[in-house]
Protein backbone atom coordinates (compact mmCIF):
# COMPACT_ATOMS: atom_id res chain seq x y z
CA UNK A 1 -31.55 -140.49 2.73
CA UNK A 2 -30.95 -143.03 -0.87
CA UNK A 3 -31.97 -140.62 -3.08
CA UNK A 4 -29.34 -138.14 -2.12
CA UNK A 5 -26.07 -140.98 -1.83
CA UNK A 6 -25.08 -139.85 -5.35
CA UNK A 7 -24.88 -135.88 -3.55
CA UNK A 8 -23.09 -137.38 -0.52
CA UNK A 9 -20.83 -139.43 -2.05
CA UNK A 10 -19.36 -136.27 -3.73
CA UNK A 11 -19.19 -134.58 -0.47
CA UNK A 12 -17.50 -137.19 0.62
CA UNK A 13 -15.45 -136.97 -2.76
CA UNK A 14 -14.36 -133.47 -2.20
CA UNK A 15 -13.16 -134.36 1.57
CA UNK A 16 -11.02 -137.15 0.53
CA UNK A 17 -8.88 -135.39 -2.29
CA UNK A 18 -9.03 -132.09 -0.21
CA UNK A 19 -5.54 -131.93 -1.16
CA UNK A 20 -6.07 -131.42 -4.62
CA UNK A 21 -8.81 -129.06 -4.18
CA UNK A 22 -6.82 -126.79 -1.77
CA UNK A 23 -4.52 -126.34 -4.74
CA UNK A 24 -7.85 -125.77 -7.16
CA UNK A 25 -9.13 -122.93 -4.44
CA UNK A 26 -5.90 -121.07 -4.60
CA UNK A 27 -5.77 -120.77 -8.54
CA UNK A 28 -10.14 -120.42 -8.26
CA UNK A 29 -9.66 -117.62 -5.72
CA UNK A 30 -7.31 -115.12 -7.37
CA UNK A 31 -9.19 -112.94 -9.90
CA UNK A 32 -6.65 -112.46 -11.96
CA UNK A 33 -6.32 -115.91 -13.02
CA UNK A 34 -8.13 -118.12 -15.94
CA UNK A 35 -9.58 -120.08 -13.54
CA UNK A 36 -11.25 -117.08 -11.34
CA UNK A 37 -14.72 -118.74 -12.17
CA UNK A 38 -13.73 -122.65 -10.99
CA UNK A 39 -15.97 -121.83 -7.64
CA UNK A 40 -19.25 -121.20 -9.44
CA UNK A 41 -18.66 -124.05 -11.33
CA UNK A 42 -18.43 -126.40 -8.66
CA UNK A 43 -21.19 -125.01 -6.95
CA UNK A 44 -23.44 -124.82 -9.52
CA UNK A 45 -22.37 -128.70 -10.00
CA UNK A 46 -23.42 -129.77 -6.72
CA UNK A 47 -26.56 -127.84 -7.27
CA UNK A 48 -27.23 -129.65 -10.53
CA UNK A 49 -26.40 -132.91 -8.77
CA UNK A 50 -28.74 -132.13 -5.93
CA UNK A 51 -31.49 -131.33 -8.41
CA UNK A 52 -31.04 -134.51 -10.41
CA UNK A 53 -31.08 -136.63 -7.22
CA UNK A 54 -34.81 -135.03 -6.29
CA UNK A 55 -36.24 -135.34 -9.81
CA UNK A 56 -34.71 -138.52 -11.80
CA UNK A 57 -33.88 -141.98 -10.02
CA UNK A 58 -30.81 -143.40 -10.13
CA UNK A 59 -31.60 -147.03 -11.11
CA UNK A 60 -29.12 -149.88 -10.49
CA UNK A 61 -28.13 -151.73 -13.47
CA UNK A 62 -25.38 -154.71 -13.04
CA UNK A 63 -23.54 -153.64 -16.38
CA UNK A 64 -19.88 -152.87 -15.65
CA UNK A 65 -19.86 -152.67 -11.93
CA UNK A 66 -16.73 -154.82 -11.45
CA UNK A 67 -15.14 -152.86 -14.18
CA UNK A 68 -15.32 -149.75 -12.48
CA UNK A 69 -14.73 -150.99 -9.49
CA UNK A 70 -11.33 -151.85 -11.55
CA UNK A 71 -11.25 -148.48 -13.24
CA UNK A 72 -11.82 -146.31 -9.54
CA UNK A 73 -8.70 -148.58 -7.95
CA UNK A 74 -6.58 -147.74 -10.92
CA UNK A 75 -7.49 -143.97 -10.99
CA UNK A 76 -7.38 -143.71 -7.40
CA UNK A 77 -3.49 -145.60 -7.43
CA UNK A 78 -2.98 -142.95 -10.17
CA UNK A 79 -3.80 -140.21 -8.19
CA UNK A 80 -1.69 -141.23 -5.48
CA UNK A 81 1.19 -141.43 -7.46
CA UNK A 82 0.84 -138.19 -9.12
CA UNK A 83 0.73 -136.73 -5.57
CA UNK A 84 3.48 -138.32 -4.57
CA UNK A 85 5.04 -136.96 -7.32
CA UNK A 86 3.93 -133.38 -7.06
CA UNK A 87 2.00 -133.64 -10.60
CA UNK A 88 -0.81 -131.60 -9.95
CA UNK A 89 -2.52 -131.27 -13.07
CA UNK A 90 -2.92 -135.21 -13.39
CA UNK A 91 -4.23 -135.07 -9.65
CA UNK A 92 -7.10 -132.81 -10.94
CA UNK A 93 -7.61 -134.48 -14.13
CA UNK A 94 -7.96 -137.31 -11.81
CA UNK A 95 -11.02 -136.05 -9.62
CA UNK A 96 -13.55 -137.00 -12.52
CA UNK A 97 -13.10 -140.32 -13.44
CA UNK A 98 -12.43 -141.10 -9.51
CA UNK A 99 -16.38 -139.60 -9.14
CA UNK A 100 -17.86 -141.33 -12.08
CA UNK A 101 -16.21 -144.85 -11.37
CA UNK A 102 -17.17 -144.48 -7.97
CA UNK A 103 -20.59 -143.65 -8.80
CA UNK A 104 -20.39 -146.36 -11.51
CA UNK A 105 -19.43 -148.58 -8.91
CA UNK A 106 -22.90 -148.54 -6.97
CA UNK A 107 -25.13 -147.53 -10.27
CA UNK A 108 -23.76 -148.93 -13.39
CA UNK A 109 -22.19 -147.28 -15.98
CA UNK A 110 -25.73 -146.86 -18.18
CA UNK A 111 -26.97 -144.72 -15.18
CA UNK A 112 -23.03 -142.52 -15.48
CA UNK A 113 -23.79 -142.34 -18.97
CA UNK A 114 -27.41 -141.04 -18.68
CA UNK A 115 -25.74 -138.41 -16.90
CA UNK A 116 -22.43 -137.71 -18.84
CA UNK A 117 -22.51 -134.28 -19.53
CA UNK A 118 -23.55 -133.33 -16.10
CA UNK A 119 -20.69 -135.12 -14.39
CA UNK A 120 -18.34 -133.70 -17.11
CA UNK A 121 -19.35 -130.09 -16.20
CA UNK A 122 -16.81 -129.57 -13.37
CA UNK A 123 -13.57 -129.55 -16.48
CA UNK A 124 -14.09 -126.24 -16.75
CA UNK A 125 -13.04 -126.02 -13.18
CA UNK A 126 -9.75 -127.63 -13.38
CA UNK A 127 -6.55 -125.73 -15.21
CA UNK A 128 -6.52 -128.07 -18.39
CA UNK A 129 -7.16 -125.04 -20.66
CA UNK A 130 -3.67 -123.25 -19.91
CA UNK A 131 -1.73 -125.21 -22.27
CA UNK A 132 -4.72 -123.39 -25.23
CA UNK A 133 -2.97 -120.13 -24.02
CA UNK A 134 0.33 -119.97 -26.43
CA UNK A 135 -1.77 -121.16 -29.31
CA UNK A 136 -4.84 -118.33 -28.31
CA UNK A 137 -2.16 -115.41 -28.20
CA UNK A 138 -0.79 -116.24 -31.58
CA UNK A 139 -4.20 -116.10 -32.91
CA UNK A 140 -5.17 -113.16 -31.46
CA UNK A 141 -1.88 -111.52 -32.67
CA UNK A 142 -2.47 -112.67 -36.20
CA UNK A 143 -6.17 -111.29 -36.31
CA UNK A 144 -5.71 -108.06 -34.40
CA UNK A 145 -2.48 -107.60 -36.74
CA UNK A 146 -4.54 -107.73 -39.54
CA UNK A 147 -7.25 -105.86 -38.70
CA UNK A 148 -4.65 -103.10 -37.87
CA UNK A 149 -3.48 -103.59 -41.43
CA UNK A 150 -6.87 -103.39 -43.04
CA UNK A 151 -7.76 -100.05 -41.35
CA UNK A 152 -4.35 -98.66 -42.37
CA UNK A 153 -3.17 -97.36 -39.17
CA UNK A 154 1.11 -97.10 -39.12
CA UNK A 155 2.41 -99.24 -37.33
CA UNK A 156 5.01 -101.88 -37.81
CA UNK A 157 3.81 -105.40 -36.86
CA UNK A 158 6.16 -108.19 -35.45
CA UNK A 159 4.42 -111.12 -33.77
CA UNK A 160 2.91 -110.18 -30.59
CA UNK A 161 4.28 -106.53 -30.71
CA UNK A 162 2.56 -103.35 -32.48
CA UNK A 163 4.93 -100.13 -32.71
CA UNK A 164 2.76 -97.20 -33.51
CA UNK A 165 4.47 -93.74 -33.67
CA UNK A 166 3.86 -92.60 -30.01
CA UNK A 167 4.28 -96.27 -28.45
CA UNK A 168 4.67 -99.66 -28.27
CA UNK A 169 1.50 -101.74 -27.76
CA UNK A 170 2.88 -105.91 -26.28
CA UNK A 171 0.29 -108.55 -26.79
CA UNK A 172 0.94 -110.27 -23.82
CA UNK A 173 0.21 -113.55 -22.42
CA UNK A 174 -2.66 -111.79 -20.48
CA UNK A 175 -4.04 -110.80 -23.51
CA UNK A 176 -4.85 -114.36 -25.41
CA UNK A 177 -8.57 -114.33 -24.59
CA UNK A 178 -8.07 -117.59 -22.33
CA UNK A 179 -10.38 -116.08 -19.62
CA UNK A 180 -13.18 -115.40 -22.18
CA UNK A 181 -12.94 -118.70 -24.08
CA UNK A 182 -13.20 -120.24 -20.97
CA UNK A 183 -16.00 -118.60 -19.87
CA UNK A 184 -18.50 -118.01 -22.95
CA UNK A 185 -17.42 -122.43 -23.02
CA UNK A 186 -18.85 -122.35 -19.81
CA UNK A 187 -22.18 -120.74 -19.77
CA UNK A 188 -22.61 -122.34 -23.55
CA UNK A 189 -22.14 -125.80 -22.36
CA UNK A 190 -24.60 -125.01 -18.82
CA UNK A 191 -27.35 -123.69 -21.23
CA UNK A 192 -27.55 -126.88 -23.21
CA UNK A 193 -27.25 -129.01 -20.43
CA UNK A 194 -29.86 -127.05 -18.99
CA UNK A 195 -31.50 -127.07 -22.07
CA UNK A 196 -31.82 -130.99 -21.91
CA UNK A 197 -29.09 -131.23 -25.58
CA UNK A 198 -27.00 -134.01 -26.50
CA UNK A 199 -23.45 -133.77 -28.20
CA UNK A 200 -25.01 -133.10 -31.58
CA UNK A 201 -27.08 -130.21 -30.53
CA UNK A 202 -24.48 -129.22 -27.73
CA UNK A 203 -21.39 -128.97 -30.23
CA UNK A 204 -22.86 -126.00 -32.45
CA UNK A 205 -23.37 -124.07 -29.09
CA UNK A 206 -20.10 -124.74 -28.10
CA UNK A 207 -18.31 -123.51 -31.40
CA UNK A 208 -20.31 -119.75 -31.28
CA UNK A 209 -19.79 -119.43 -27.96
CA UNK A 210 -15.85 -119.97 -28.09
CA UNK A 211 -15.75 -117.68 -30.71
CA UNK A 212 -17.48 -114.78 -29.06
CA UNK A 213 -15.56 -115.42 -26.68
CA UNK A 214 -12.51 -114.58 -28.93
CA UNK A 215 -14.09 -112.37 -31.19
CA UNK A 216 -14.33 -110.25 -27.34
CA UNK A 217 -10.53 -110.28 -27.21
CA UNK A 218 -10.30 -109.28 -30.27
CA UNK A 219 -12.13 -106.77 -30.19
CA UNK A 220 -10.76 -105.53 -26.67
CA UNK A 221 -6.98 -105.24 -28.51
CA UNK A 222 -8.00 -103.61 -31.36
CA UNK A 223 -10.34 -100.74 -29.81
CA UNK A 224 -7.26 -100.30 -27.66
CA UNK A 225 -5.02 -99.95 -30.27
CA UNK A 226 -7.04 -97.50 -32.02
CA UNK A 227 -7.65 -95.18 -28.77
CA UNK A 228 -3.89 -95.30 -28.51
CA UNK A 229 -2.88 -94.35 -31.86
CA UNK A 230 -5.47 -91.85 -31.94
CA UNK A 231 -4.72 -90.32 -28.35
CA UNK A 232 -0.95 -90.26 -28.66
CA UNK A 233 -1.13 -93.52 -26.03
CA UNK A 234 -2.07 -90.81 -23.36
CA UNK A 235 -5.49 -92.55 -22.93
CA UNK A 236 -6.35 -94.20 -19.02
CA UNK A 237 -7.28 -97.51 -20.93
CA UNK A 238 -3.90 -98.14 -22.05
CA UNK A 239 -2.40 -98.73 -18.12
CA UNK A 240 -6.13 -100.18 -16.80
CA UNK A 241 -8.57 -101.49 -19.20
CA UNK A 242 -9.47 -104.74 -17.13
CA UNK A 243 -12.99 -103.72 -16.91
CA UNK A 244 -13.31 -102.44 -20.07
CA UNK A 245 -12.47 -105.95 -20.88
CA UNK A 246 -15.15 -107.48 -18.97
CA UNK A 247 -17.84 -104.88 -19.85
CA UNK A 248 -17.11 -105.74 -23.32
CA UNK A 249 -17.27 -109.60 -22.57
CA UNK A 250 -20.83 -108.79 -21.21
CA UNK A 251 -22.01 -106.72 -24.57
CA UNK A 252 -20.91 -109.73 -26.12
CA UNK A 253 -21.91 -112.52 -24.72
CA UNK A 254 -25.46 -111.62 -22.53
CA UNK A 255 -27.16 -110.74 -25.69
CA UNK A 256 -26.62 -114.34 -26.84
CA UNK A 257 -27.39 -115.67 -23.83
CA UNK A 258 -30.54 -114.00 -23.95
CA UNK A 259 -31.95 -115.14 -27.93
CA UNK A 260 -30.30 -118.40 -26.95
CA UNK A 261 -32.42 -121.30 -27.80
CA UNK A 262 -34.32 -122.56 -24.97
CA UNK A 263 -35.79 -126.07 -25.34
CA UNK A 264 -39.39 -127.10 -24.17
CA UNK A 265 -39.55 -127.89 -20.25
CA UNK A 266 -40.81 -131.28 -20.30
CA UNK A 267 -42.43 -131.89 -17.25
CA UNK A 268 -40.18 -135.13 -16.02
CA UNK A 269 -42.22 -137.78 -14.05
CA UNK A 270 -42.11 -138.32 -10.09
CA UNK A 271 -38.88 -139.82 -8.82
CA UNK A 272 -39.05 -143.28 -7.46
CA UNK A 273 -38.19 -144.59 -4.53
CA UNK A 274 -34.50 -145.44 -4.78
CA UNK A 275 -33.50 -148.87 -3.42
CA UNK A 276 -30.81 -149.39 -0.92
CA UNK A 277 -27.49 -149.87 -1.89
CA UNK A 278 -26.13 -153.06 -1.01
CA UNK A 279 -24.04 -152.34 2.23
CA UNK A 280 -20.92 -154.30 0.86
CA UNK A 281 -20.93 -152.76 -2.97
CA UNK A 282 -20.76 -149.60 -0.64
CA UNK A 283 -17.49 -150.77 1.30
CA UNK A 284 -15.67 -151.78 -1.03
CA UNK A 285 -16.64 -148.33 -3.07
CA UNK A 286 -15.19 -146.69 -0.60
CA UNK A 287 -12.37 -148.43 0.58
CA UNK A 288 -11.48 -148.17 -2.77
CA UNK A 289 -11.99 -144.57 -2.98
CA UNK A 290 -9.76 -143.48 0.06
CA UNK A 291 -6.55 -146.15 -1.56
CA UNK A 292 -5.20 -143.18 -2.81
CA UNK A 293 -5.47 -140.45 0.06
CA UNK A 294 -4.60 -143.23 2.39
CA UNK A 295 -1.38 -144.22 0.43
CA UNK A 296 -0.42 -140.54 0.39
CA UNK A 297 -0.52 -140.36 3.92
CA UNK A 298 1.42 -143.45 4.74
CA UNK A 299 3.57 -143.59 2.31
CA UNK A 300 4.26 -139.81 1.68
CA UNK A 301 6.40 -138.89 4.79
CA UNK A 302 8.67 -141.36 3.42
CA UNK A 303 9.16 -140.55 0.27
CA UNK A 304 9.84 -136.71 1.01
CA UNK A 305 12.78 -137.66 2.79
CA UNK A 306 15.57 -136.78 1.20
CA UNK A 307 18.95 -137.66 2.63
CA UNK A 308 21.53 -137.14 -0.43
CA UNK A 309 22.59 -133.56 -0.23
CA UNK A 310 22.36 -131.21 -2.67
CA UNK A 311 25.32 -131.55 -5.37
CA UNK A 312 25.20 -127.86 -6.01
CA UNK A 313 25.97 -124.82 -4.49
CA UNK A 314 23.61 -121.41 -4.12
CA UNK A 315 26.62 -119.48 -5.25
CA UNK A 316 26.27 -118.55 -8.85
CA UNK A 317 29.71 -117.92 -10.62
CA UNK A 318 31.15 -114.60 -11.13
CA UNK A 319 32.78 -113.70 -15.05
CA UNK A 320 30.27 -115.54 -16.80
CA UNK A 321 29.83 -115.06 -20.64
CA UNK A 322 27.29 -113.02 -22.28
CA UNK A 323 24.19 -114.54 -23.84
CA UNK A 324 23.18 -113.27 -26.92
CA UNK A 325 19.48 -113.69 -25.83
CA UNK A 326 18.76 -113.53 -22.95
CA UNK A 327 17.16 -117.05 -21.15
CA UNK A 328 13.99 -116.33 -18.79
CA UNK A 329 14.24 -119.39 -16.59
CA UNK A 330 12.53 -120.24 -13.59
CA UNK A 331 13.67 -118.73 -10.09
CA UNK A 332 15.94 -120.98 -8.21
CA UNK A 333 18.86 -122.29 -10.45
CA UNK A 334 22.51 -122.50 -9.88
CA UNK A 335 23.43 -121.12 -13.67
CA UNK A 336 26.91 -122.14 -15.40
CA UNK A 337 27.53 -119.96 -18.32
CA UNK A 338 30.10 -120.99 -20.86
CA UNK A 339 31.75 -119.97 -24.35
CA UNK A 340 31.73 -122.30 -26.87
CA UNK A 341 34.44 -121.52 -29.48
CA UNK A 342 33.98 -117.82 -30.35
CA UNK A 343 30.35 -117.36 -30.76
CA UNK A 344 28.36 -120.18 -29.16
CA UNK A 345 27.33 -120.15 -25.65
CA UNK A 346 26.28 -122.78 -23.46
CA UNK A 347 24.06 -122.12 -20.02
CA UNK A 348 22.75 -124.58 -18.07
CA UNK A 349 20.52 -123.72 -15.04
CA UNK A 350 20.67 -126.46 -12.36
CA UNK A 351 17.72 -126.86 -10.19
CA UNK A 352 17.69 -129.38 -7.07
CA UNK A 353 14.40 -130.03 -4.55
CA UNK A 354 15.20 -130.51 -0.79
CA UNK A 355 11.62 -132.79 -0.70
CA UNK A 356 8.22 -133.67 -2.89
CA UNK A 357 6.47 -130.48 -1.44
CA UNK A 358 8.72 -129.05 -4.12
CA UNK A 359 8.65 -129.77 -7.63
CA UNK A 360 11.07 -131.03 -9.26
CA UNK A 361 10.27 -129.38 -13.09
CA UNK A 362 9.37 -126.59 -12.40
CA UNK A 363 6.26 -123.96 -13.79
CA UNK A 364 8.38 -123.73 -17.37
CA UNK A 365 6.67 -120.47 -19.23
CA UNK A 366 8.03 -119.00 -22.69
CA UNK A 367 12.26 -119.42 -21.69
CA UNK A 368 12.55 -116.27 -23.76
CA UNK A 369 11.51 -112.69 -23.63
CA UNK A 370 9.10 -112.24 -26.28
CA UNK A 371 8.87 -108.31 -25.86
CA UNK A 372 12.41 -108.23 -27.45
CA UNK A 373 12.55 -111.16 -29.66
CA UNK A 374 10.11 -113.19 -32.04
CA UNK A 375 10.62 -116.48 -33.20
CA UNK A 376 10.92 -117.08 -36.57
CA UNK A 377 11.30 -121.07 -36.97
CA UNK A 378 11.65 -124.21 -34.35
CA UNK A 379 12.34 -127.42 -35.32
CA UNK A 380 13.39 -130.64 -33.86
CA UNK A 381 17.10 -132.18 -34.37
CA UNK A 382 17.80 -135.51 -33.14
CA UNK A 383 21.04 -135.45 -31.57
CA UNK A 384 23.11 -138.78 -30.16
CA UNK A 385 19.12 -139.84 -29.82
CA UNK A 386 17.99 -137.48 -27.94
CA UNK A 387 15.07 -134.79 -28.77
CA UNK A 388 16.51 -131.16 -29.13
CA UNK A 389 14.89 -127.92 -29.83
CA UNK A 390 16.11 -126.25 -32.34
CA UNK A 391 14.86 -122.63 -32.98
CA UNK A 392 15.90 -119.04 -34.43
CA UNK A 393 15.04 -115.61 -32.97
CA UNK A 394 14.68 -112.55 -34.66
CA UNK A 395 15.06 -109.56 -32.43
CA UNK A 396 12.32 -106.83 -32.52
CA UNK A 397 12.85 -103.87 -34.24
CA UNK A 398 16.42 -104.61 -35.12
CA UNK A 399 18.21 -107.39 -37.39
CA UNK A 400 20.33 -109.57 -34.65
CA UNK A 401 19.15 -112.36 -35.11
CA UNK A 402 20.12 -116.17 -32.77
CA UNK A 403 19.81 -119.77 -33.48
CA UNK A 404 19.20 -121.67 -30.02
CA UNK A 405 19.13 -125.96 -29.25
CA UNK A 406 17.55 -126.19 -26.00
CA UNK A 407 16.73 -129.41 -24.42
CA UNK A 408 15.79 -130.39 -20.37
CA UNK A 409 17.61 -133.20 -18.35
CA UNK A 410 15.33 -134.79 -15.84
CA UNK A 411 16.68 -137.15 -13.13
CA UNK A 412 19.35 -138.19 -16.04
CA UNK A 413 16.90 -138.80 -18.71
CA UNK A 414 16.23 -135.90 -21.79
CA UNK A 415 13.67 -134.05 -23.50
CA UNK A 416 13.04 -131.13 -25.74
CA UNK A 417 9.00 -131.59 -24.42
CA UNK A 418 7.76 -129.85 -21.56
CA UNK A 419 5.22 -132.63 -21.36
CA UNK A 420 7.56 -135.32 -20.93
CA UNK A 421 9.74 -133.43 -18.31
CA UNK A 422 6.94 -133.72 -16.04
CA UNK A 423 6.33 -137.30 -16.92
CA UNK A 424 9.66 -137.46 -16.53
CA UNK A 425 9.23 -136.83 -12.71
CA UNK A 426 7.89 -140.14 -12.07
CA UNK A 427 10.90 -141.99 -12.88
CA UNK A 428 13.32 -139.68 -11.41
CA UNK A 429 11.59 -139.75 -8.28
CA UNK A 430 10.64 -143.43 -8.05
CA UNK A 431 14.73 -143.86 -8.71
CA UNK A 432 15.56 -141.02 -5.90
CA UNK A 433 17.12 -138.56 -8.65
CA UNK A 434 15.95 -135.48 -7.52
CA UNK A 435 17.91 -133.07 -9.94
CA UNK A 436 16.53 -130.92 -13.08
CA UNK A 437 18.29 -128.64 -15.55
CA UNK A 438 17.47 -127.00 -18.36
CA UNK A 439 20.56 -126.33 -21.22
CA UNK A 440 20.58 -124.12 -23.82
CA UNK A 441 23.21 -123.49 -26.33
CA UNK A 442 23.06 -120.11 -28.27
CA UNK A 443 25.19 -118.12 -31.31
CA UNK A 444 24.69 -115.18 -33.30
CA UNK A 445 23.81 -115.72 -37.07
CA UNK A 446 26.23 -114.19 -39.41
CA UNK A 447 24.13 -114.82 -41.87
CA UNK A 448 19.89 -115.07 -42.32
CA UNK A 449 19.87 -119.34 -42.55
CA UNK A 450 22.63 -119.57 -39.20
CA UNK A 451 22.87 -123.23 -41.10
CA UNK A 452 26.63 -122.97 -39.82
CA UNK A 453 25.98 -121.55 -36.48
CA UNK A 454 23.05 -124.50 -35.95
CA UNK A 455 25.85 -127.10 -37.80
CA UNK A 456 28.02 -126.16 -34.87
CA UNK A 457 25.59 -126.07 -31.94
CA UNK A 458 24.92 -129.48 -32.79
CA UNK A 459 28.32 -130.74 -32.86
CA UNK A 460 28.88 -128.75 -29.39
CA UNK A 461 25.51 -130.44 -27.83
CA UNK A 462 26.53 -133.98 -29.02
CA UNK A 463 29.81 -133.30 -26.90
CA UNK A 464 28.06 -132.36 -23.92
CA UNK A 465 25.17 -134.92 -24.63
CA UNK A 466 27.85 -137.66 -24.23
CA UNK A 467 29.74 -136.38 -21.18
CA UNK A 468 26.79 -136.13 -19.56
CA UNK A 469 25.44 -139.73 -20.69
CA UNK A 470 28.67 -141.76 -19.19
CA UNK A 471 28.39 -140.53 -15.64
CA UNK A 472 24.26 -140.97 -15.94
CA UNK A 473 24.93 -144.74 -17.30
CA UNK A 474 27.42 -145.39 -14.91
CA UNK A 475 25.63 -144.37 -11.91
CA UNK A 476 22.25 -146.27 -12.75
CA UNK A 477 24.97 -149.86 -12.54
CA UNK A 478 26.47 -148.88 -9.47
CA UNK A 479 22.47 -148.62 -8.18
């Protein structure tokens, strides 16, 4: 039994942190998700760990076992805090160091370092890759746009929109190629691991695999544009090209997998009988591992009780001014829109949660309609010690230009960064603040530079920030 103890601990890892794995399961079983391959990845990981347990010895060494216990305690507490605040991506990322530090507390860090590539394999089943979607979409738009120009296909190209004589092709978020990219990386990593490659030999394989995944997507989009052009947008592929994409992916990847270099299989020596892990050490490790899940059971219900009533109503004000460019804010907000002088408009989307089961900061997708508008510039300006995002947008197929200032308010704190907005959930929740707002100021530009409108919006933004800061400071002092 002791030979398979690492595998048993891994199965216990699934059970203890079932809250997080349940969230991952919801992503894994969605075919259209970039994480649809997550379940096979975890099954392969369990098999590889079982194979490692039966073929090699998990030799015990003292090196760093106490440090591993401290790391396990820290990771377990951080997981509890992330679960309490309901920041799922932090919960999910912490799963790997929790497992690694738990095993290191029993066998020492040398055993973990020897199996580092195996223990890192589950990263391909965790949705950290979604942050690459925006960049991959921009790259796909650039590559495909240049390919269309080189082929002399008559088209107007504006960002991710390609206007053909017979219709409009939008390179949407789902066309970034993130799924092909991540799956190709997963296959490359798996092949490299099975061949016994170390990092310096694995890196070139990952680069080739990632490039093939991206190339598949670029060729797919380009072929669809060519088909759309020559069939006057009447081909059935213009509506349903999911299967076409996967067939193309197989055509690129399968030959690469077949011709990938294979290391000569070295016959592994017989596994030595594993010595028993001292019961006291196993008990301490188990106690630290269950600390986070136990704390969320004990204290989760207490923090989930939010006694203060929501300060906003569900009724949306009527007769509001029209935004120069519509803001695509997440659903569930109370939206207030007010005029700023003759041309400016300020929009505030208020959110309030009634329980910590709800997210304080909702999922923040692209907050403008990229089918109708293209972002041409984006900078960060400092207004009264607050970082504010300032961007200029141009209407696709038109000449209208709009300058926009935007930031987020999380429990009285302000930021223009989505990442920091997520992090600010922690002090907001611990301080009993359960409000979140998206503040957007816009003005239509009279000149191409938009300088005058930007300066005017900055003055209005400063007035808004000062007006909101004073009540927040008074509230903090009263506490």
